[in-house]
Amino acid sequence: MRVTRNEAKNTANQKKHGVSFEDAQELLLSDGLHLVIFDEEHSLDEDRFISIGPIRRGLVLVVWTERDAERVRIISARWATPTERHIFHAHIGSQK
């Protein structure tokens, strides 16, 4: 899988959330456990997904979309909130 991103959005995302799209890519390309949720509310023009999972620096939430069978595009990334952390641990903990 290849991950694409908009560099201007990446810079803005880093300033706003402290997470780069390079950090987000680490989660999307990892073989580790992470939670993937279909984002029905924001999938009007394209199917969007939310991934929550660990990277080297902590637990992140990444919003992304599939471009085709081999490419995904990162839309945004940020640190997971306490509620999102709880959701992640509740779902992933039950799969171990």
Protein backbone atom coordinates (compact mmCIF):
# COMPACT_ATOMS: atom_id res chain seq x y z
CA MET A 1 0.00 0.00 0.00
CA ARG A 2 1.16 3.51 -0.79
CA VAL A 3 0.22 6.50 1.36
CA THR A 4 -0.28 9.93 -0.24
CA ARG A 5 -0.74 13.30 1.39
CA ASN A 6 -1.08 17.00 0.71
CA GLU A 7 2.06 18.72 2.02
CA ALA A 8 0.32 22.03 2.76
CA LYS A 9 -2.26 20.13 4.82
CA ASN A 10 0.53 18.18 6.50
CA THR A 11 2.20 21.41 7.65
CA ALA A 12 -1.10 22.85 8.91
CA ASN A 13 -1.94 19.56 10.66
CA GLN A 14 1.44 19.52 12.45
CA LYS A 15 0.91 23.07 13.71
CA LYS A 16 -2.67 22.40 14.85
CA HIS A 17 -2.36 18.88 16.29
CA GLY A 18 1.36 18.19 16.78
CA VAL A 19 1.16 15.06 14.62
CA SER A 20 2.69 14.86 11.15
CA PHE A 21 1.33 12.81 8.29
CA GLU A 22 4.62 10.89 8.45
CA ASP A 23 3.62 9.88 12.00
CA ALA A 24 0.16 8.93 10.72
CA GLN A 25 1.70 6.87 7.93
CA GLU A 26 3.56 4.85 10.56
CA LEU A 27 0.20 3.63 11.88
CA LEU A 28 -1.34 2.92 8.48
CA LEU A 29 1.66 0.89 7.31
CA SER A 30 2.19 -1.02 10.55
CA ASP A 31 1.33 -4.66 11.01
CA GLY A 32 0.31 -3.97 14.60
CA LEU A 33 -3.22 -3.99 15.93
CA HIS A 34 -5.23 -0.87 15.31
CA LEU A 35 -8.92 -0.10 15.22
CA VAL A 36 -10.51 0.92 11.89
CA ILE A 37 -13.95 2.57 11.89
CA PHE A 38 -16.01 3.62 8.86
CA ASP A 39 -16.76 7.36 9.21
CA GLU A 40 -20.34 7.39 7.93
CA GLU A 41 -20.97 10.99 9.00
CA HIS A 42 -18.13 12.36 6.82
CA SER A 43 -18.40 9.94 3.88
CA LEU A 44 -20.71 11.93 1.62
CA ASP A 45 -18.28 12.53 -1.29
CA GLU A 46 -15.86 9.68 -0.56
CA ASP A 47 -15.62 6.80 1.91
CA ARG A 48 -13.62 7.92 4.94
CA PHE A 49 -12.14 5.79 7.66
CA ILE A 50 -10.78 6.46 11.14
CA SER A 51 -7.87 4.43 12.46
CA ILE A 52 -6.85 4.54 16.11
CA GLY A 53 -3.63 2.89 17.16
CA PRO A 54 -0.13 3.17 18.58
CA ILE A 55 2.95 4.69 16.99
CA ARG A 56 6.36 5.25 18.59
CA ARG A 57 5.25 8.54 20.16
CA GLY A 58 1.81 7.53 21.47
CA LEU A 59 -1.75 6.67 20.47
CA VAL A 60 -3.02 8.52 17.38
CA LEU A 61 -6.25 8.93 15.44
CA VAL A 62 -5.88 9.10 11.65
CA VAL A 63 -8.61 9.99 9.16
CA TRP A 64 -8.00 8.59 5.68
CA THR A 65 -9.62 7.54 2.41
CA GLU A 66 -8.85 4.93 -0.22
CA ARG A 67 -7.80 6.35 -3.58
CA ASP A 68 -7.66 2.96 -5.28
CA ALA A 69 -6.67 -0.62 -4.41
CA GLU A 70 -3.05 0.39 -3.76
CA ARG A 71 -3.23 3.98 -2.46
CA VAL A 72 -4.70 5.71 0.58
CA ARG A 73 -4.70 9.46 1.30
CA ILE A 74 -4.32 10.88 4.78
CA ILE A 75 -6.88 13.57 5.56
CA SER A 76 -5.89 14.42 9.14
CA ALA A 77 -4.11 13.05 12.20
CA ARG A 78 -4.06 13.93 15.89
CA TRP A 79 -3.42 12.46 19.30
CA ALA A 80 -6.26 10.26 20.54
CA THR A 81 -8.48 11.76 23.23
CA PRO A 82 -9.09 9.91 26.52
CA THR A 83 -12.45 8.69 25.18
CA GLU A 84 -10.83 7.41 21.96
CA ARG A 85 -8.10 5.72 24.01
CA HIS A 86 -10.80 3.94 26.01
CA ILE A 87 -12.57 2.82 22.81
CA PHE A 88 -9.28 1.54 21.38
CA HIS A 89 -8.34 -0.43 24.48
CA ALA A 90 -11.89 -1.82 24.89
CA HIS A 91 -11.93 -3.16 21.31
CA ILE A 92 -8.32 -4.17 20.80
CA GLY A 93 -7.97 -5.64 24.29
CA SER A 94 -10.79 -8.05 23.51
CA GLN A 95 -9.00 -9.26 20.34
CA LYS A 96 -5.66 -10.21 21.90
